[in-house]
């Protein structure tokens, strides 16, 4: 993928809020940035999860992770952290 949605500055604000730190039991932080890029791709395109491009990973795994993060309130925290950066 040649074009990412997130800038490095935005990612720096989001990264500490993501699940998968060593203190987060049973969670992996592997490819958190790519995962958030996948969620943003879905939001931007309005496509169904099944149409997620394969370079983001298997759509069902991405959706399952999205569901977990939503239940944990992660996206609300991320939104609050970056809302001052709205263009």
PDB file of N, CA and C in Angstrom:
ATOM      1  N   UNK A   1       0.849  -1.160   0.000  1.00  0.00           N
ATOM      2  CA  UNK A   1       0.000   0.000   0.000  1.00  0.00           C
ATOM      3  C   UNK A   1       0.900   1.231   0.000  1.00  0.00           C
ATOM      4  N   UNK A   2       0.724   2.084  -0.963  1.00  0.00           N
ATOM      5  CA  UNK A   2       1.573   3.252  -1.114  1.00  0.00           C
ATOM      6  C   UNK A   2       1.140   4.434  -0.252  1.00  0.00           C
ATOM      7  N   UNK A   3      -0.110   4.531   0.039  1.00  0.00           N
ATOM      8  CA  UNK A   3      -0.624   5.717   0.715  1.00  0.00           C
ATOM      9  C   UNK A   3      -1.296   5.335   2.027  1.00  0.00           C
ATOM     10  N   UNK A   4      -0.770   5.871   3.084  1.00  0.00           N
ATOM     11  CA  UNK A   4      -1.382   5.653   4.386  1.00  0.00           C
ATOM     12  C   UNK A   4      -2.243   6.851   4.747  1.00  0.00           C
ATOM     13  N   UNK A   5      -3.173   6.644   5.604  1.00  0.00           N
ATOM     14  CA  UNK A   5      -4.077   7.700   6.029  1.00  0.00           C
ATOM     15  C   UNK A   5      -3.483   8.465   7.211  1.00  0.00           C
ATOM     16  N   UNK A   6      -2.853   7.757   8.108  1.00  0.00           N
ATOM     17  CA  UNK A   6      -2.327   8.369   9.325  1.00  0.00           C
ATOM     18  C   UNK A   6      -0.973   9.029   9.097  1.00  0.00           C
ATOM     19  N   UNK A   7      -0.805  10.204   9.678  1.00  0.00           N
ATOM     20  CA  UNK A   7       0.518  10.819   9.695  1.00  0.00           C
ATOM     21  C   UNK A   7       1.277  10.246  10.895  1.00  0.00           C
ATOM     22  N   UNK A   8       2.583  10.423  10.899  1.00  0.00           N
ATOM     23  CA  UNK A   8       3.372   9.955  12.035  1.00  0.00           C
ATOM     24  C   UNK A   8       2.977  10.696  13.316  1.00  0.00           C
ATOM     25  N   UNK A   9       2.636  11.965  13.196  1.00  0.00           N
ATOM     26  CA  UNK A   9       2.222  12.744  14.371  1.00  0.00           C
ATOM     27  C   UNK A   9       0.907  12.213  14.949  1.00  0.00           C
ATOM     28  N   UNK A  10      -0.036  11.875  14.079  1.00  0.00           N
ATOM     29  CA  UNK A  10      -1.304  11.305  14.554  1.00  0.00           C
ATOM     30  C   UNK A  10      -1.061   9.954  15.216  1.00  0.00           C
ATOM     31  N   UNK A  11      -0.235   9.131  14.591  1.00  0.00           N
ATOM     32  CA  UNK A  11       0.049   7.815  15.137  1.00  0.00           C
ATOM     33  C   UNK A  11       0.712   7.928  16.513  1.00  0.00           C
ATOM     34  N   UNK A  12       1.589   8.906  16.687  1.00  0.00           N
ATOM     35  CA  UNK A  12       2.262   9.090  17.972  1.00  0.00           C
ATOM     36  C   UNK A  12       1.255   9.352  19.094  1.00  0.00           C
ATOM     37  N   UNK A  13       0.149  10.023  18.783  1.00  0.00           N
ATOM     38  CA  UNK A  13      -0.893  10.258  19.785  1.00  0.00           C
ATOM     39  C   UNK A  13      -1.731   9.010  20.039  1.00  0.00           C
ATOM     40  N   UNK A  14      -1.912   8.192  19.020  1.00  0.00           N
ATOM     41  CA  UNK A  14      -2.769   7.012  19.122  1.00  0.00           C
ATOM     42  C   UNK A  14      -2.074   5.810  19.750  1.00  0.00           C
ATOM     43  N   UNK A  15      -0.825   5.634  19.429  1.00  0.00           N
ATOM     44  CA  UNK A  15      -0.116   4.408  19.812  1.00  0.00           C
ATOM     45  C   UNK A  15      -0.213   4.069  21.295  1.00  0.00           C
ATOM     46  N   UNK A  16      -0.023   5.025  22.209  1.00  0.00           N
ATOM     47  CA  UNK A  16      -0.106   4.673  23.634  1.00  0.00           C
ATOM     48  C   UNK A  16      -1.498   4.206  24.079  1.00  0.00           C
ATOM     49  N   UNK A  17      -2.523   4.515  23.302  1.00  0.00           N
ATOM     50  CA  UNK A  17      -3.897   4.156  23.662  1.00  0.00           C
ATOM     51  C   UNK A  17      -4.310   2.786  23.135  1.00  0.00           C
ATOM     52  N   UNK A  18      -3.498   2.225  22.267  1.00  0.00           N
ATOM     53  CA  UNK A  18      -3.829   0.949  21.626  1.00  0.00           C
ATOM     54  C   UNK A  18      -3.652  -0.223  22.579  1.00  0.00           C
ATOM     55  N   UNK A  19      -4.435  -1.249  22.347  1.00  0.00           N
ATOM     56  CA  UNK A  19      -4.285  -2.485  23.110  1.00  0.00           C
ATOM     57  C   UNK A  19      -3.080  -3.249  22.574  1.00  0.00           C
ATOM     58  N   UNK A  20      -2.478  -4.055  23.430  1.00  0.00           N
ATOM     59  CA  UNK A  20      -1.371  -4.893  23.003  1.00  0.00           C
ATOM     60  C   UNK A  20      -0.061  -4.588  23.709  1.00  0.00           C
ATOM     61  N   UNK A  21      -0.119  -3.712  24.712  1.00  0.00           N
ATOM     62  CA  UNK A  21       1.078  -3.455  25.498  1.00  0.00           C
ATOM     63  C   UNK A  21       1.362  -4.691  26.358  1.00  0.00           C
ATOM     64  N   UNK A  22       2.556  -4.785  26.871  1.00  0.00           N
ATOM     65  CA  UNK A  22       2.924  -5.941  27.693  1.00  0.00           C
ATOM     66  C   UNK A  22       1.992  -6.110  28.889  1.00  0.00           C
ATOM     67  N   UNK A  23       1.407  -5.023  29.355  1.00  0.00           N
ATOM     68  CA  UNK A  23       0.504  -5.087  30.506  1.00  0.00           C
ATOM     69  C   UNK A  23      -0.921  -5.480  30.118  1.00  0.00           C
ATOM     70  N   UNK A  24      -1.204  -5.560  28.815  1.00  0.00           N
ATOM     71  CA  UNK A  24      -2.541  -5.939  28.341  1.00  0.00           C
ATOM     72  C   UNK A  24      -2.599  -7.453  28.173  1.00  0.00           C
ATOM     73  N   UNK A  25      -3.100  -8.110  29.156  1.00  0.00           N
ATOM     74  CA  UNK A  25      -3.137  -9.572  29.182  1.00  0.00           C
ATOM     75  C   UNK A  25      -3.886 -10.157  27.977  1.00  0.00           C
ATOM     76  N   UNK A  26      -3.248 -11.124  27.325  1.00  0.00           N
ATOM     77  CA  UNK A  26      -3.887 -11.864  26.246  1.00  0.00           C
ATOM     78  C   UNK A  26      -4.054 -11.091  24.950  1.00  0.00           C
ATOM     79  N   UNK A  27      -3.368  -9.980  24.808  1.00  0.00           N
ATOM     80  CA  UNK A  27      -3.529  -9.166  23.597  1.00  0.00           C
ATOM     81  C   UNK A  27      -2.178  -8.972  22.927  1.00  0.00           C
ATOM     82  N   UNK A  28      -2.228  -8.863  21.618  1.00  0.00           N
ATOM     83  CA  UNK A  28      -1.029  -8.609  20.836  1.00  0.00           C
ATOM     84  C   UNK A  28      -1.112  -7.218  20.243  1.00  0.00           C
ATOM     85  N   UNK A  29      -0.015  -6.493  20.273  1.00  0.00           N
ATOM     86  CA  UNK A  29       0.033  -5.177  19.659  1.00  0.00           C
ATOM     87  C   UNK A  29       0.606  -5.230  18.258  1.00  0.00           C
ATOM     88  N   UNK A  30       0.705  -6.431  17.730  1.00  0.00           N
ATOM     89  CA  UNK A  30       1.304  -6.601  16.411  1.00  0.00           C
ATOM     90  C   UNK A  30       0.508  -5.820  15.363  1.00  0.00           C
ATOM     91  N   UNK A  31       1.216  -4.992  14.618  1.00  0.00           N
ATOM     92  CA  UNK A  31       0.633  -4.246  13.498  1.00  0.00           C
ATOM     93  C   UNK A  31      -0.559  -3.376  13.891  1.00  0.00           C
ATOM     94  N   UNK A  32      -0.497  -2.742  15.038  1.00  0.00           N
ATOM     95  CA  UNK A  32      -1.603  -1.872  15.452  1.00  0.00           C
ATOM     96  C   UNK A  32      -1.845  -0.741  14.455  1.00  0.00           C
ATOM     97  N   UNK A  33      -0.769  -0.179  13.917  1.00  0.00           N
ATOM     98  CA  UNK A  33      -0.954   0.922  12.967  1.00  0.00           C
ATOM     99  C   UNK A  33      -1.666   0.431  11.709  1.00  0.00           C
ATOM    100  N   UNK A  34      -1.254  -0.710  11.191  1.00  0.00           N
ATOM    101  CA  UNK A  34      -1.907  -1.259  10.005  1.00  0.00           C
ATOM    102  C   UNK A  34      -3.369  -1.585  10.305  1.00  0.00           C
ATOM    103  N   UNK A  35      -3.632  -2.092  11.497  1.00  0.00           N
ATOM    104  CA  UNK A  35      -5.007  -2.382  11.900  1.00  0.00           C
ATOM    105  C   UNK A  35      -5.861  -1.113  11.901  1.00  0.00           C
ATOM    106  N   UNK A  36      -5.356  -0.040  12.475  1.00  0.00           N
ATOM    107  CA  UNK A  36      -6.118   1.212  12.490  1.00  0.00           C
ATOM    108  C   UNK A  36      -6.287   1.745  11.071  1.00  0.00           C
ATOM    109  N   UNK A  37      -5.274   1.590  10.244  1.00  0.00           N
ATOM    110  CA  UNK A  37      -5.406   1.978   8.834  1.00  0.00           C
ATOM    111  C   UNK A  37      -6.547   1.190   8.172  1.00  0.00           C
ATOM    112  N   UNK A  38      -6.675  -0.081   8.517  1.00  0.00           N
ATOM    113  CA  UNK A  38      -7.752  -0.906   7.954  1.00  0.00           C
ATOM    114  C   UNK A  38      -9.118  -0.382   8.388  1.00  0.00           C
ATOM    115  N   UNK A  39      -9.246  -0.045   9.655  1.00  0.00           N
ATOM    116  CA  UNK A  39     -10.516   0.494  10.161  1.00  0.00           C
ATOM    117  C   UNK A  39     -10.834   1.818   9.469  1.00  0.00           C
ATOM    118  N   UNK A  40      -9.828   2.650   9.289  1.00  0.00           N
ATOM    119  CA  UNK A  40     -10.042   3.923   8.596  1.00  0.00           C
ATOM    120  C   UNK A  40     -10.409   3.705   7.131  1.00  0.00           C
ATOM    121  N   UNK A  41      -9.853   2.673   6.512  1.00  0.00           N
ATOM    122  CA  UNK A  41     -10.204   2.352   5.121  1.00  0.00           C
ATOM    123  C   UNK A  41     -11.687   2.001   5.034  1.00  0.00           C
ATOM    124  N   UNK A  42     -12.161   1.180   5.970  1.00  0.00           N
ATOM    125  CA  UNK A  42     -13.580   0.812   5.998  1.00  0.00           C
ATOM    126  C   UNK A  42     -14.440   2.066   6.178  1.00  0.00           C
ATOM    127  N   UNK A  43     -14.052   2.927   7.115  1.00  0.00           N
ATOM    128  CA  UNK A  43     -14.828   4.147   7.376  1.00  0.00           C
ATOM    129  C   UNK A  43     -14.819   5.082   6.166  1.00  0.00           C
ATOM    130  N   UNK A  44     -13.670   5.201   5.525  1.00  0.00           N
ATOM    131  CA  UNK A  44     -13.543   6.128   4.397  1.00  0.00           C
ATOM    132  C   UNK A  44     -14.300   5.652   3.174  1.00  0.00           C
ATOM    133  N   UNK A  45     -14.253   4.350   2.903  1.00  0.00           N
ATOM    134  CA  UNK A  45     -14.862   3.822   1.680  1.00  0.00           C
ATOM    135  C   UNK A  45     -16.317   3.416   1.865  1.00  0.00           C
ATOM    136  N   UNK A  46     -16.706   3.109   3.100  1.00  0.00           N
ATOM    137  CA  UNK A  46     -18.059   2.616   3.335  1.00  0.00           C
ATOM    138  C   UNK A  46     -18.253   1.186   2.858  1.00  0.00           C
ATOM    139  N   UNK A  47     -17.162   0.512   2.571  1.00  0.00           N
ATOM    140  CA  UNK A  47     -17.224  -0.865   2.075  1.00  0.00           C
ATOM    141  C   UNK A  47     -17.552  -1.839   3.196  1.00  0.00           C
ATOM    142  N   UNK A  48     -18.123  -2.983   2.855  1.00  0.00           N
ATOM    143  CA  UNK A  48     -18.334  -4.016   3.872  1.00  0.00           C
ATOM    144  C   UNK A  48     -16.992  -4.633   4.266  1.00  0.00           C
ATOM    145  N   UNK A  49     -16.947  -5.206   5.448  1.00  0.00           N
ATOM    146  CA  UNK A  49     -15.706  -5.805   5.941  1.00  0.00           C
ATOM    147  C   UNK A  49     -15.150  -6.848   4.978  1.00  0.00           C
ATOM    148  N   UNK A  50     -16.004  -7.604   4.345  1.00  0.00           N
ATOM    149  CA  UNK A  50     -15.548  -8.653   3.427  1.00  0.00           C
ATOM    150  C   UNK A  50     -14.759  -8.108   2.246  1.00  0.00           C
ATOM    151  N   UNK A  51     -14.899  -6.819   1.949  1.00  0.00           N
ATOM    152  CA  UNK A  51     -14.176  -6.201   0.840  1.00  0.00           C
ATOM    153  C   UNK A  51     -12.850  -5.575   1.257  1.00  0.00           C
ATOM    154  N   UNK A  52     -12.469  -5.754   2.502  1.00  0.00           N
ATOM    155  CA  UNK A  52     -11.207  -5.201   2.981  1.00  0.00           C
ATOM    156  C   UNK A  52     -10.049  -5.788   2.175  1.00  0.00           C
ATOM    157  N   UNK A  53      -9.174  -4.954   1.613  1.00  0.00           N
ATOM    158  CA  UNK A  53      -8.034  -5.476   0.846  1.00  0.00           C
ATOM    159  C   UNK A  53      -7.170  -6.410   1.696  1.00  0.00           C
ATOM    160  N   UNK A  54      -6.644  -7.429   1.072  1.00  0.00           N
ATOM    161  CA  UNK A  54      -5.907  -8.467   1.795  1.00  0.00           C
ATOM    162  C   UNK A  54      -4.637  -7.960   2.461  1.00  0.00           C
ATOM    163  N   UNK A  55      -4.066  -6.860   1.990  1.00  0.00           N
ATOM    164  CA  UNK A  55      -2.838  -6.376   2.638  1.00  0.00           C
ATOM    165  C   UNK A  55      -3.085  -5.884   4.058  1.00  0.00           C
ATOM    166  N   UNK A  56      -4.348  -5.694   4.429  1.00  0.00           N
ATOM    167  CA  UNK A  56      -4.679  -5.337   5.808  1.00  0.00           C
ATOM    168  C   UNK A  56      -4.819  -6.570   6.693  1.00  0.00           C
ATOM    169  N   UNK A  57      -4.868  -7.736   6.109  1.00  0.00           N
ATOM    170  CA  UNK A  57      -5.085  -8.967   6.853  1.00  0.00           C
ATOM    171  C   UNK A  57      -6.441  -9.557   6.501  1.00  0.00           C
ATOM    172  N   UNK A  58      -6.736 -10.701   7.069  1.00  0.00           N
ATOM    173  CA  UNK A  58      -8.017 -11.351   6.801  1.00  0.00           C
ATOM    174  C   UNK A  58      -9.132 -10.508   7.412  1.00  0.00           C
ATOM    175  N   UNK A  59     -10.162 -10.230   6.630  1.00  0.00           N
ATOM    176  CA  UNK A  59     -11.222  -9.314   7.059  1.00  0.00           C
ATOM    177  C   UNK A  59     -11.864  -9.740   8.368  1.00  0.00           C
ATOM    178  N   UNK A  60     -12.052 -11.039   8.569  1.00  0.00           N
ATOM    179  CA  UNK A  60     -12.729 -11.506   9.773  1.00  0.00           C
ATOM    180  C   UNK A  60     -11.878 -11.259  11.021  1.00  0.00           C
ATOM    181  N   UNK A  61     -10.572 -11.433  10.888  1.00  0.00           N
ATOM    182  CA  UNK A  61      -9.674 -11.158  12.015  1.00  0.00           C
ATOM    183  C   UNK A  61      -9.659  -9.670  12.345  1.00  0.00           C
ATOM    184  N   UNK A  62      -9.629  -8.841  11.308  1.00  0.00           N
ATOM    185  CA  UNK A  62      -9.634  -7.392  11.514  1.00  0.00           C
ATOM    186  C   UNK A  62     -10.952  -6.967  12.161  1.00  0.00           C
ATOM    187  N   UNK A  63     -12.057  -7.510  11.672  1.00  0.00           N
ATOM    188  CA  UNK A  63     -13.358  -7.166  12.248  1.00  0.00           C
ATOM    189  C   UNK A  63     -13.454  -7.607  13.711  1.00  0.00           C
ATOM    190  N   UNK A  64     -12.973  -8.800  14.008  1.00  0.00           N
ATOM    191  CA  UNK A  64     -13.023  -9.314  15.376  1.00  0.00           C
ATOM    192  C   UNK A  64     -12.220  -8.409  16.314  1.00  0.00           C
ATOM    193  N   UNK A  65     -11.054  -7.996  15.862  1.00  0.00           N
ATOM    194  CA  UNK A  65     -10.223  -7.092  16.648  1.00  0.00           C
ATOM    195  C   UNK A  65     -10.922  -5.738  16.811  1.00  0.00           C
ATOM    196  N   UNK A  66     -11.524  -5.249  15.741  1.00  0.00           N
ATOM    197  CA  UNK A  66     -12.285  -3.996  15.792  1.00  0.00           C
ATOM    198  C   UNK A  66     -13.389  -4.086  16.852  1.00  0.00           C
ATOM    199  N   UNK A  67     -14.093  -5.188  16.870  1.00  0.00           N
ATOM    200  CA  UNK A  67     -15.169  -5.389  17.834  1.00  0.00           C
ATOM    201  C   UNK A  67     -14.631  -5.355  19.265  1.00  0.00           C
ATOM    202  N   UNK A  68     -13.506  -6.025  19.499  1.00  0.00           N
ATOM    203  CA  UNK A  68     -12.888  -6.033  20.832  1.00  0.00           C
ATOM    204  C   UNK A  68     -12.486  -4.623  21.264  1.00  0.00           C
ATOM    205  N   UNK A  69     -11.865  -3.894  20.352  1.00  0.00           N
ATOM    206  CA  UNK A  69     -11.407  -2.539  20.672  1.00  0.00           C
ATOM    207  C   UNK A  69     -12.590  -1.612  20.920  1.00  0.00           C
ATOM    208  N   UNK A  70     -13.659  -1.794  20.171  1.00  0.00           N
ATOM    209  CA  UNK A  70     -14.849  -0.967  20.359  1.00  0.00           C
ATOM    210  C   UNK A  70     -15.438  -1.206  21.745  1.00  0.00           C
ATOM    211  N   UNK A  71     -15.558  -2.469  22.128  1.00  0.00           N
ATOM    212  CA  UNK A  71     -16.098  -2.809  23.451  1.00  0.00           C
ATOM    213  C   UNK A  71     -15.224  -2.265  24.577  1.00  0.00           C
ATOM    214  N   UNK A  72     -13.906  -2.194  24.330  1.00  0.00           N
ATOM    215  CA  UNK A  72     -12.970  -1.708  25.341  1.00  0.00           C
ATOM    216  C   UNK A  72     -12.873  -0.177  25.366  1.00  0.00           C
ATOM    217  N   UNK A  73     -13.565   0.486  24.451  1.00  0.00           N
ATOM    218  CA  UNK A  73     -13.564   1.946  24.425  1.00  0.00           C
ATOM    219  C   UNK A  73     -12.319   2.575  23.825  1.00  0.00           C
ATOM    220  N   UNK A  74     -11.522   1.790  23.131  1.00  0.00           N
ATOM    221  CA  UNK A  74     -10.261   2.295  22.580  1.00  0.00           C
ATOM    222  C   UNK A  74     -10.498   3.372  21.527  1.00  0.00           C
ATOM    223  N   UNK A  75     -11.452   3.161  20.640  1.00  0.00           N
ATOM    224  CA  UNK A  75     -11.670   4.137  19.575  1.00  0.00           C
ATOM    225  C   UNK A  75     -12.191   5.462  20.117  1.00  0.00           C
ATOM    226  N   UNK A  76     -12.955   5.431  21.182  1.00  0.00           N
ATOM    227  CA  UNK A  76     -13.408   6.674  21.814  1.00  0.00           C
ATOM    228  C   UNK A  76     -12.208   7.446  22.350  1.00  0.00           C
ATOM    229  N   UNK A  77     -11.276   6.746  22.994  1.00  0.00           N
ATOM    230  CA  UNK A  77     -10.075   7.398  23.527  1.00  0.00           C
ATOM    231  C   UNK A  77      -9.218   7.963  22.405  1.00  0.00           C
ATOM    232  N   UNK A  78      -9.084   7.195  21.323  1.00  0.00           N
ATOM    233  CA  UNK A  78      -8.298   7.665  20.177  1.00  0.00           C
ATOM    234  C   UNK A  78      -8.952   8.901  19.569  1.00  0.00           C
ATOM    235  N   UNK A  79     -10.261   8.860  19.398  1.00  0.00           N
ATOM    236  CA  UNK A  79     -10.976  10.007  18.837  1.00  0.00           C
ATOM    237  C   UNK A  79     -10.740  11.257  19.680  1.00  0.00           C
ATOM    238  N   UNK A  80     -10.825  11.111  20.985  1.00  0.00           N
ATOM    239  CA  UNK A  80     -10.608  12.250  21.871  1.00  0.00           C
ATOM    240  C   UNK A  80      -9.179  12.774  21.764  1.00  0.00           C
ATOM    241  N   UNK A  81      -8.218  11.868  21.605  1.00  0.00           N
ATOM    242  CA  UNK A  81      -6.812  12.270  21.525  1.00  0.00           C
ATOM    243  C   UNK A  81      -6.492  13.038  20.252  1.00  0.00           C
ATOM    244  N   UNK A  82      -7.139  12.690  19.164  1.00  0.00           N
ATOM    245  CA  UNK A  82      -6.804  13.331  17.883  1.00  0.00           C
ATOM    246  C   UNK A  82      -7.842  14.361  17.444  1.00  0.00           C
ATOM    247  N   UNK A  83      -8.904  14.543  18.199  1.00  0.00           N
ATOM    248  CA  UNK A  83      -9.975  15.445  17.756  1.00  0.00           C
ATOM    249  C   UNK A  83      -9.505  16.889  17.612  1.00  0.00           C
ATOM    250  N   UNK A  84      -8.483  17.277  18.325  1.00  0.00           N
ATOM    251  CA  UNK A  84      -7.944  18.631  18.184  1.00  0.00           C
ATOM    252  C   UNK A  84      -7.232  18.829  16.852  1.00  0.00           C
ATOM    253  N   UNK A  85      -6.901  17.718  16.174  1.00  0.00           N
ATOM    254  CA  UNK A  85      -6.172  17.784  14.912  1.00  0.00           C
ATOM    255  C   UNK A  85      -7.077  17.807  13.698  1.00  0.00           C
ATOM    256  N   UNK A  86      -8.370  17.883  13.893  1.00  0.00           N
ATOM    257  CA  UNK A  86      -9.298  17.814  12.759  1.00  0.00           C
ATOM    258  C   UNK A  86      -8.983  18.895  11.738  1.00  0.00           C
ATOM    259  N   UNK A  87      -9.008  18.483  10.476  1.00  0.00           N
ATOM    260  CA  UNK A  87      -8.717  19.428   9.387  1.00  0.00           C
ATOM    261  C   UNK A  87      -9.997  20.017   8.873  1.00  0.00           C
TER     262      UNK A  87
END
